[in-house]
Amino acid sequence: MARKAKYSEEWRSRAAALQTEIEEAMTLATSSIGDYSWLHRLHSWVMEVAQGKAPDWWTDLDCEVSLPREEKRVSTFLSTQKKRITLQMCLS
């Protein structure tokens, strides 16, 4: 029997949207040098939240604290990578 997530559908849908952004970030990361293993770990965790399979102790409060921070982190990463790619194209 599947357990019911202790966080709202709103957080599940925000996690699903973040999952899409993380996948885009992972694609951009393949074209640059660096350790982006944090993206893979974050993707796994966000996927669990989006699917309602986070640990039993995970609640709305955990989502409220963690998801906005990670959304900002991924957004900043995407913005930086896109600027880097644009600069490389301009210089070549």
PDB file of N, CA and C in Angstrom:
ATOM      1  N   MET A   1       0.839  -1.184   0.000  1.00  0.00           N
ATOM      2  CA  MET A   1       0.000   0.000   0.000  1.00  0.00           C
ATOM      3  C   MET A   1       0.884   1.248   0.000  1.00  0.00           C
ATOM      4  N   ALA A   2       0.635   2.147  -0.920  1.00  0.00           N
ATOM      5  CA  ALA A   2       1.430   3.375  -1.017  1.00  0.00           C
ATOM      6  C   ALA A   2       1.020   4.347   0.081  1.00  0.00           C
ATOM      7  N   ARG A   3       1.997   5.006   0.642  1.00  0.00           N
ATOM      8  CA  ARG A   3       1.689   5.978   1.691  1.00  0.00           C
ATOM      9  C   ARG A   3       1.352   7.325   1.072  1.00  0.00           C
ATOM     10  N   LYS A   4       0.610   8.124   1.792  1.00  0.00           N
ATOM     11  CA  LYS A   4       0.235   9.451   1.320  1.00  0.00           C
ATOM     12  C   LYS A   4       1.307  10.441   1.747  1.00  0.00           C
ATOM     13  N   ALA A   5       1.734  11.284   0.817  1.00  0.00           N
ATOM     14  CA  ALA A   5       2.746  12.298   1.118  1.00  0.00           C
ATOM     15  C   ALA A   5       2.210  13.270   2.166  1.00  0.00           C
ATOM     16  N   LYS A   6       3.101  13.748   3.029  1.00  0.00           N
ATOM     17  CA  LYS A   6       2.710  14.677   4.084  1.00  0.00           C
ATOM     18  C   LYS A   6       2.922  16.124   3.655  1.00  0.00           C
ATOM     19  N   TYR A   7       2.903  16.364   2.378  1.00  0.00           N
ATOM     20  CA  TYR A   7       3.033  17.721   1.860  1.00  0.00           C
ATOM     21  C   TYR A   7       2.041  17.897   0.723  1.00  0.00           C
ATOM     22  N   SER A   8       1.710  19.134   0.442  1.00  0.00           N
ATOM     23  CA  SER A   8       0.607  19.432  -0.470  1.00  0.00           C
ATOM     24  C   SER A   8       0.964  19.226  -1.941  1.00  0.00           C
ATOM     25  N   GLU A   9      -0.080  19.160  -2.730  1.00  0.00           N
ATOM     26  CA  GLU A   9       0.055  19.004  -4.181  1.00  0.00           C
ATOM     27  C   GLU A   9       0.807  20.192  -4.787  1.00  0.00           C
ATOM     28  N   GLU A  10       0.646  21.365  -4.197  1.00  0.00           N
ATOM     29  CA  GLU A  10       1.359  22.560  -4.687  1.00  0.00           C
ATOM     30  C   GLU A  10       2.871  22.323  -4.678  1.00  0.00           C
ATOM     31  N   TRP A  11       3.370  21.727  -3.610  1.00  0.00           N
ATOM     32  CA  TRP A  11       4.807  21.466  -3.528  1.00  0.00           C
ATOM     33  C   TRP A  11       5.224  20.392  -4.516  1.00  0.00           C
ATOM     34  N   ARG A  12       4.358  19.425  -4.740  1.00  0.00           N
ATOM     35  CA  ARG A  12       4.674  18.387  -5.730  1.00  0.00           C
ATOM     36  C   ARG A  12       4.789  18.998  -7.114  1.00  0.00           C
ATOM     37  N   SER A  13       3.897  19.931  -7.436  1.00  0.00           N
ATOM     38  CA  SER A  13       3.966  20.529  -8.766  1.00  0.00           C
ATOM     39  C   SER A  13       5.142  21.488  -8.896  1.00  0.00           C
ATOM     40  N   ARG A  14       5.494  22.182  -7.816  1.00  0.00           N
ATOM     41  CA  ARG A  14       6.703  23.029  -7.856  1.00  0.00           C
ATOM     42  C   ARG A  14       7.948  22.167  -8.016  1.00  0.00           C
ATOM     43  N   ALA A  15       7.967  21.024  -7.363  1.00  0.00           N
ATOM     44  CA  ALA A  15       9.100  20.110  -7.489  1.00  0.00           C
ATOM     45  C   ALA A  15       9.194  19.572  -8.918  1.00  0.00           C
ATOM     46  N   ALA A  16       8.063  19.283  -9.535  1.00  0.00           N
ATOM     47  CA  ALA A  16       8.066  18.799 -10.923  1.00  0.00           C
ATOM     48  C   ALA A  16       8.615  19.868 -11.865  1.00  0.00           C
ATOM     49  N   ALA A  17       8.243  21.125 -11.647  1.00  0.00           N
ATOM     50  CA  ALA A  17       8.767  22.225 -12.469  1.00  0.00           C
ATOM     51  C   ALA A  17      10.273  22.377 -12.249  1.00  0.00           C
ATOM     52  N   LEU A  18      10.704  22.263 -11.011  1.00  0.00           N
ATOM     53  CA  LEU A  18      12.132  22.352 -10.699  1.00  0.00           C
ATOM     54  C   LEU A  18      12.888  21.192 -11.329  1.00  0.00           C
ATOM     55  N   GLN A  19      12.276  20.035 -11.359  1.00  0.00           N
ATOM     56  CA  GLN A  19      12.903  18.864 -11.976  1.00  0.00           C
ATOM     57  C   GLN A  19      13.217  19.145 -13.445  1.00  0.00           C
ATOM     58  N   THR A  20      12.309  19.798 -14.144  1.00  0.00           N
ATOM     59  CA  THR A  20      12.525  20.159 -15.546  1.00  0.00           C
ATOM     60  C   THR A  20      13.699  21.124 -15.680  1.00  0.00           C
ATOM     61  N   GLU A  21      13.773  22.110 -14.791  1.00  0.00           N
ATOM     62  CA  GLU A  21      14.885  23.063 -14.829  1.00  0.00           C
ATOM     63  C   GLU A  21      16.215  22.378 -14.525  1.00  0.00           C
ATOM     64  N   ILE A  22      16.195  21.433 -13.606  1.00  0.00           N
ATOM     65  CA  ILE A  22      17.422  20.704 -13.271  1.00  0.00           C
ATOM     66  C   ILE A  22      17.890  19.901 -14.478  1.00  0.00           C
ATOM     67  N   GLU A  23      16.967  19.300 -15.207  1.00  0.00           N
ATOM     68  CA  GLU A  23      17.329  18.535 -16.404  1.00  0.00           C
ATOM     69  C   GLU A  23      17.960  19.446 -17.454  1.00  0.00           C
ATOM     70  N   GLU A  24      17.434  20.662 -17.600  1.00  0.00           N
ATOM     71  CA  GLU A  24      18.040  21.638 -18.514  1.00  0.00           C
ATOM     72  C   GLU A  24      19.443  22.003 -18.028  1.00  0.00           C
ATOM     73  N   ALA A  25      19.593  22.211 -16.730  1.00  0.00           N
ATOM     74  CA  ALA A  25      20.897  22.552 -16.154  1.00  0.00           C
ATOM     75  C   ALA A  25      21.894  21.417 -16.365  1.00  0.00           C
ATOM     76  N   MET A  26      21.438  20.184 -16.235  1.00  0.00           N
ATOM     77  CA  MET A  26      22.316  19.030 -16.439  1.00  0.00           C
ATOM     78  C   MET A  26      22.799  18.980 -17.885  1.00  0.00           C
ATOM     79  N   THR A  27      21.933  19.321 -18.821  1.00  0.00           N
ATOM     80  CA  THR A  27      22.317  19.357 -20.229  1.00  0.00           C
ATOM     81  C   THR A  27      23.378  20.425 -20.466  1.00  0.00           C
ATOM     82  N   LEU A  28      23.177  21.617 -19.904  1.00  0.00           N
ATOM     83  CA  LEU A  28      24.163  22.688 -20.053  1.00  0.00           C
ATOM     84  C   LEU A  28      25.481  22.336 -19.368  1.00  0.00           C
ATOM     85  N   ALA A  29      25.409  21.646 -18.260  1.00  0.00           N
ATOM     86  CA  ALA A  29      26.612  21.302 -17.498  1.00  0.00           C
ATOM     87  C   ALA A  29      27.519  20.349 -18.265  1.00  0.00           C
ATOM     88  N   THR A  30      26.961  19.556 -19.156  1.00  0.00           N
ATOM     89  CA  THR A  30      27.784  18.606 -19.911  1.00  0.00           C
ATOM     90  C   THR A  30      28.756  19.314 -20.843  1.00  0.00           C
ATOM     91  N   SER A  31      28.475  20.575 -21.174  1.00  0.00           N
ATOM     92  CA  SER A  31      29.350  21.305 -22.091  1.00  0.00           C
ATOM     93  C   SER A  31      30.400  22.140 -21.364  1.00  0.00           C
ATOM     94  N   SER A  32      30.516  21.970 -20.061  1.00  0.00           N
ATOM     95  CA  SER A  32      31.502  22.761 -19.327  1.00  0.00           C
ATOM     96  C   SER A  32      32.312  21.882 -18.383  1.00  0.00           C
ATOM     97  N   ILE A  33      33.413  22.435 -17.939  1.00  0.00           N
ATOM     98  CA  ILE A  33      34.302  21.725 -17.030  1.00  0.00           C
ATOM     99  C   ILE A  33      33.852  21.993 -15.601  1.00  0.00           C
ATOM    100  N   GLY A  34      33.870  20.978 -14.790  1.00  0.00           N
ATOM    101  CA  GLY A  34      33.503  21.156 -13.386  1.00  0.00           C
ATOM    102  C   GLY A  34      32.782  19.941 -12.849  1.00  0.00           C
ATOM    103  N   ASP A  35      32.608  19.936 -11.542  1.00  0.00           N
ATOM    104  CA  ASP A  35      31.900  18.847 -10.880  1.00  0.00           C
ATOM    105  C   ASP A  35      30.468  19.292 -10.630  1.00  0.00           C
ATOM    106  N   TYR A  36      29.562  18.740 -11.380  1.00  0.00           N
ATOM    107  CA  TYR A  36      28.152  19.098 -11.248  1.00  0.00           C
ATOM    108  C   TYR A  36      27.345  17.928 -10.702  1.00  0.00           C
ATOM    109  N   SER A  37      27.998  17.095  -9.894  1.00  0.00           N
ATOM    110  CA  SER A  37      27.299  15.947  -9.306  1.00  0.00           C
ATOM    111  C   SER A  37      26.167  16.402  -8.388  1.00  0.00           C
ATOM    112  N   TRP A  38      26.253  17.644  -7.873  1.00  0.00           N
ATOM    113  CA  TRP A  38      25.177  18.168  -7.029  1.00  0.00           C
ATOM    114  C   TRP A  38      23.865  18.214  -7.801  1.00  0.00           C
ATOM    115  N   LEU A  39      23.940  18.434  -9.121  1.00  0.00           N
ATOM    116  CA  LEU A  39      22.719  18.455  -9.933  1.00  0.00           C
ATOM    117  C   LEU A  39      22.057  17.080  -9.955  1.00  0.00           C
ATOM    118  N   HIS A  40      22.856  16.037 -10.057  1.00  0.00           N
ATOM    119  CA  HIS A  40      22.304  14.680 -10.085  1.00  0.00           C
ATOM    120  C   HIS A  40      21.671  14.317  -8.740  1.00  0.00           C
ATOM    121  N   ARG A  41      22.344  14.691  -7.653  1.00  0.00           N
ATOM    122  CA  ARG A  41      21.779  14.422  -6.322  1.00  0.00           C
ATOM    123  C   ARG A  41      20.489  15.210  -6.119  1.00  0.00           C
ATOM    124  N   LEU A  42      20.512  16.476  -6.528  1.00  0.00           N
ATOM    125  CA  LEU A  42      19.324  17.319  -6.390  1.00  0.00           C
ATOM    126  C   LEU A  42      18.182  16.775  -7.239  1.00  0.00           C
ATOM    127  N   HIS A  43      18.487  16.319  -8.438  1.00  0.00           N
ATOM    128  CA  HIS A  43      17.474  15.768  -9.336  1.00  0.00           C
ATOM    129  C   HIS A  43      16.787  14.566  -8.692  1.00  0.00           C
ATOM    130  N   SER A  44      17.572  13.686  -8.089  1.00  0.00           N
ATOM    131  CA  SER A  44      16.997  12.500  -7.436  1.00  0.00           C
ATOM    132  C   SER A  44      16.068  12.898  -6.298  1.00  0.00           C
ATOM    133  N   TRP A  45      16.517  13.832  -5.489  1.00  0.00           N
ATOM    134  CA  TRP A  45      15.720  14.280  -4.343  1.00  0.00           C
ATOM    135  C   TRP A  45      14.435  14.965  -4.804  1.00  0.00           C
ATOM    136  N   VAL A  46      14.538  15.864  -5.779  1.00  0.00           N
ATOM    137  CA  VAL A  46      13.363  16.597  -6.267  1.00  0.00           C
ATOM    138  C   VAL A  46      12.377  15.639  -6.931  1.00  0.00           C
ATOM    139  N   MET A  47      12.884  14.638  -7.629  1.00  0.00           N
ATOM    140  CA  MET A  47      12.012  13.655  -8.263  1.00  0.00           C
ATOM    141  C   MET A  47      11.194  12.906  -7.202  1.00  0.00           C
ATOM    142  N   GLU A  48      11.823  12.570  -6.077  1.00  0.00           N
ATOM    143  CA  GLU A  48      11.093  11.908  -4.990  1.00  0.00           C
ATOM    144  C   GLU A  48       9.969  12.799  -4.461  1.00  0.00           C
ATOM    145  N   VAL A  49      10.259  14.080  -4.296  1.00  0.00           N
ATOM    146  CA  VAL A  49       9.240  15.018  -3.808  1.00  0.00           C
ATOM    147  C   VAL A  49       8.108  15.130  -4.828  1.00  0.00           C
ATOM    148  N   ALA A  50       8.456  15.286  -6.105  1.00  0.00           N
ATOM    149  CA  ALA A  50       7.449  15.443  -7.159  1.00  0.00           C
ATOM    150  C   ALA A  50       6.540  14.219  -7.256  1.00  0.00           C
ATOM    151  N   GLN A  51       7.091  13.052  -7.023  1.00  0.00           N
ATOM    152  CA  GLN A  51       6.311  11.813  -7.122  1.00  0.00           C
ATOM    153  C   GLN A  51       5.609  11.447  -5.817  1.00  0.00           C
ATOM    154  N   GLY A  52       5.817  12.249  -4.780  1.00  0.00           N
ATOM    155  CA  GLY A  52       5.197  11.950  -3.490  1.00  0.00           C
ATOM    156  C   GLY A  52       5.873  10.814  -2.754  1.00  0.00           C
ATOM    157  N   LYS A  53       7.137  10.570  -3.060  1.00  0.00           N
ATOM    158  CA  LYS A  53       7.866   9.449  -2.460  1.00  0.00           C
ATOM    159  C   LYS A  53       8.993   9.908  -1.537  1.00  0.00           C
ATOM    160  N   ALA A  54       8.909  11.132  -1.049  1.00  0.00           N
ATOM    161  CA  ALA A  54       9.927  11.621  -0.114  1.00  0.00           C
ATOM    162  C   ALA A  54       9.830  10.831   1.188  1.00  0.00           C
ATOM    163  N   PRO A  55      10.861  10.911   2.043  1.00  0.00           N
ATOM    164  CA  PRO A  55      10.815  10.173   3.320  1.00  0.00           C
ATOM    165  C   PRO A  55       9.561  10.497   4.131  1.00  0.00           C
ATOM    166  N   ASP A  56       9.185   9.573   4.991  1.00  0.00           N
ATOM    167  CA  ASP A  56       7.978   9.729   5.817  1.00  0.00           C
ATOM    168  C   ASP A  56       7.962  11.013   6.629  1.00  0.00           C
ATOM    169  N   TRP A  57       9.113  11.468   7.067  1.00  0.00           N
ATOM    170  CA  TRP A  57       9.179  12.654   7.923  1.00  0.00           C
ATOM    171  C   TRP A  57       9.093  13.961   7.138  1.00  0.00           C
ATOM    172  N   TRP A  58       9.136  13.916   5.796  1.00  0.00           N
ATOM    173  CA  TRP A  58       9.145  15.122   4.958  1.00  0.00           C
ATOM    174  C   TRP A  58       7.762  15.768   4.961  1.00  0.00           C
ATOM    175  N   THR A  59       7.688  17.073   5.248  1.00  0.00           N
ATOM    176  CA  THR A  59       6.405  17.774   5.380  1.00  0.00           C
ATOM    177  C   THR A  59       6.381  19.047   4.543  1.00  0.00           C
ATOM    178  N   ASP A  60       5.247  19.762   4.608  1.00  0.00           N
ATOM    179  CA  ASP A  60       5.129  21.060   3.935  1.00  0.00           C
ATOM    180  C   ASP A  60       6.214  22.029   4.388  1.00  0.00           C
ATOM    181  N   LEU A  61       6.522  22.022   5.669  1.00  0.00           N
ATOM    182  CA  LEU A  61       7.540  22.937   6.193  1.00  0.00           C
ATOM    183  C   LEU A  61       8.903  22.653   5.568  1.00  0.00           C
ATOM    184  N   ASP A  62       9.245  21.390   5.396  1.00  0.00           N
ATOM    185  CA  ASP A  62      10.513  21.042   4.746  1.00  0.00           C
ATOM    186  C   ASP A  62      10.533  21.552   3.310  1.00  0.00           C
ATOM    187  N   CYS A  63       9.411  21.404   2.615  1.00  0.00           N
ATOM    188  CA  CYS A  63       9.306  21.908   1.244  1.00  0.00           C
ATOM    189  C   CYS A  63       9.438  23.426   1.219  1.00  0.00           C
ATOM    190  N   GLU A  64       8.763  24.077   2.161  1.00  0.00           N
ATOM    191  CA  GLU A  64       8.768  25.538   2.225  1.00  0.00           C
ATOM    192  C   GLU A  64      10.177  26.088   2.433  1.00  0.00           C
ATOM    193  N   VAL A  65      10.980  25.375   3.177  1.00  0.00           N
ATOM    194  CA  VAL A  65      12.348  25.811   3.447  1.00  0.00           C
ATOM    195  C   VAL A  65      13.279  25.447   2.288  1.00  0.00           C
ATOM    196  N   SER A  66      13.163  24.246   1.769  1.00  0.00           N
ATOM    197  CA  SER A  66      14.141  23.729   0.819  1.00  0.00           C
ATOM    198  C   SER A  66      13.883  24.058  -0.646  1.00  0.00           C
ATOM    199  N   LEU A  67      12.659  23.889  -1.105  1.00  0.00           N
ATOM    200  CA  LEU A  67      12.404  24.063  -2.536  1.00  0.00           C
ATOM    201  C   LEU A  67      12.702  25.468  -3.052  1.00  0.00           C
ATOM    202  N   PRO A  68      12.253  26.546  -2.397  1.00  0.00           N
ATOM    203  CA  PRO A  68      12.584  27.877  -2.915  1.00  0.00           C
ATOM    204  C   PRO A  68      14.098  28.125  -2.998  1.00  0.00           C
ATOM    205  N   ARG A  69      14.838  27.630  -2.017  1.00  0.00           N
ATOM    206  CA  ARG A  69      16.297  27.791  -2.026  1.00  0.00           C
ATOM    207  C   ARG A  69      16.900  27.072  -3.234  1.00  0.00           C
ATOM    208  N   GLU A  70      16.441  25.856  -3.494  1.00  0.00           N
ATOM    209  CA  GLU A  70      16.979  25.090  -4.617  1.00  0.00           C
ATOM    210  C   GLU A  70      16.515  25.659  -5.956  1.00  0.00           C
ATOM    211  N   GLU A  71      15.300  26.201  -6.007  1.00  0.00           N
ATOM    212  CA  GLU A  71      14.835  26.864  -7.233  1.00  0.00           C
ATOM    213  C   GLU A  71      15.764  28.025  -7.575  1.00  0.00           C
ATOM    214  N   LYS A  72      16.123  28.817  -6.574  1.00  0.00           N
ATOM    215  CA  LYS A  72      17.021  29.955  -6.788  1.00  0.00           C
ATOM    216  C   LYS A  72      18.406  29.473  -7.206  1.00  0.00           C
ATOM    217  N   ARG A  73      18.886  28.437  -6.566  1.00  0.00           N
ATOM    218  CA  ARG A  73      20.212  27.890  -6.884  1.00  0.00           C
ATOM    219  C   ARG A  73      20.280  27.413  -8.334  1.00  0.00           C
ATOM    220  N   VAL A  74      19.271  26.686  -8.774  1.00  0.00           N
ATOM    221  CA  VAL A  74      19.248  26.173 -10.148  1.00  0.00           C
ATOM    222  C   VAL A  74      19.063  27.321 -11.134  1.00  0.00           C
ATOM    223  N   SER A  75      18.210  28.280 -10.804  1.00  0.00           N
ATOM    224  CA  SER A  75      17.993  29.439 -11.669  1.00  0.00           C
ATOM    225  C   SER A  75      19.291  30.227 -11.861  1.00  0.00           C
ATOM    226  N   THR A  76      20.024  30.435 -10.784  1.00  0.00           N
ATOM    227  CA  THR A  76      21.308  31.142 -10.859  1.00  0.00           C
ATOM    228  C   THR A  76      22.299  30.357 -11.706  1.00  0.00           C
ATOM    229  N   PHE A  77      22.345  29.050 -11.522  1.00  0.00           N
ATOM    230  CA  PHE A  77      23.242  28.209 -12.306  1.00  0.00           C
ATOM    231  C   PHE A  77      22.907  28.300 -13.793  1.00  0.00           C
ATOM    232  N   LEU A  78      21.615  28.187 -14.128  1.00  0.00           N
ATOM    233  CA  LEU A  78      21.198  28.269 -15.533  1.00  0.00           C
ATOM    234  C   LEU A  78      21.575  29.613 -16.142  1.00  0.00           C
ATOM    235  N   SER A  79      21.305  30.678 -15.426  1.00  0.00           N
ATOM    236  CA  SER A  79      21.617  32.019 -15.912  1.00  0.00           C
ATOM    237  C   SER A  79      23.118  32.170 -16.164  1.00  0.00           C
ATOM    238  N   THR A  80      23.922  31.718 -15.232  1.00  0.00           N
ATOM    239  CA  THR A  80      25.378  31.814 -15.363  1.00  0.00           C
ATOM    240  C   THR A  80      25.875  30.994 -16.544  1.00  0.00           C
ATOM    241  N   GLN A  81      25.372  29.781 -16.691  1.00  0.00           N
ATOM    242  CA  GLN A  81      25.802  28.922 -17.794  1.00  0.00           C
ATOM    243  C   GLN A  81      25.413  29.514 -19.147  1.00  0.00           C
ATOM    244  N   LYS A  82      24.210  30.068 -19.233  1.00  0.00           N
ATOM    245  CA  LYS A  82      23.767  30.667 -20.499  1.00  0.00           C
ATOM    246  C   LYS A  82      24.615  31.883 -20.850  1.00  0.00           C
ATOM    247  N   LYS A  83      24.970  32.687 -19.851  1.00  0.00           N
ATOM    248  CA  LYS A  83      25.847  33.843 -20.098  1.00  0.00           C
ATOM    249  C   LYS A  83      27.225  33.380 -20.545  1.00  0.00           C
ATOM    250  N   ARG A  84      27.737  32.329 -19.920  1.00  0.00           N
ATOM    251  CA  ARG A  84      29.048  31.796 -20.279  1.00  0.00           C
ATOM    252  C   ARG A  84      29.050  31.299 -21.723  1.00  0.00           C
ATOM    253  N   ILE A  85      28.014  30.596 -22.107  1.00  0.00           N
ATOM    254  CA  ILE A  85      27.912  30.073 -23.471  1.00  0.00           C
ATOM    255  C   ILE A  85      27.810  31.221 -24.471  1.00  0.00           C
ATOM    256  N   THR A  86      27.007  32.233 -24.148  1.00  0.00           N
ATOM    257  CA  THR A  86      26.866  33.398 -25.026  1.00  0.00           C
ATOM    258  C   THR A  86      28.204  34.106 -25.190  1.00  0.00           C
ATOM    259  N   LEU A  87      28.938  34.282 -24.108  1.00  0.00           N
ATOM    260  CA  LEU A  87      30.244  34.932 -24.165  1.00  0.00           C
ATOM    261  C   LEU A  87      31.209  34.125 -25.016  1.00  0.00           C
ATOM    262  N   GLN A  88      31.212  32.810 -24.854  1.00  0.00           N
ATOM    263  CA  GLN A  88      32.088  31.962 -25.661  1.00  0.00           C
ATOM    264  C   GLN A  88      31.754  32.080 -27.142  1.00  0.00           C
ATOM    265  N   MET A  89      30.464  32.161 -27.465  1.00  0.00           N
ATOM    266  CA  MET A  89      30.052  32.290 -28.866  1.00  0.00           C
ATOM    267  C   MET A  89      30.497  33.634 -29.426  1.00  0.00           C
ATOM    268  N   CYS A  90      30.411  34.688 -28.625  1.00  0.00           N
ATOM    269  CA  CYS A  90      30.821  36.020 -29.079  1.00  0.00           C
ATOM    270  C   CYS A  90      32.327  36.095 -29.294  1.00  0.00           C
ATOM    271  N   LEU A  91      33.088  35.378 -28.480  1.00  0.00           N
ATOM    272  CA  LEU A  91      34.542  35.420 -28.578  1.00  0.00           C
ATOM    273  C   LEU A  91      35.087  34.542 -29.694  1.00  0.00           C
ATOM    274  N   SER A  92      34.285  33.618 -30.173  1.00  0.00           N
ATOM    275  CA  SER A  92      34.799  32.723 -31.222  1.00  0.00           C
ATOM    276  C   SER A  92      34.483  33.201 -32.607  1.00  0.00           C
TER     277      SER A  92
END
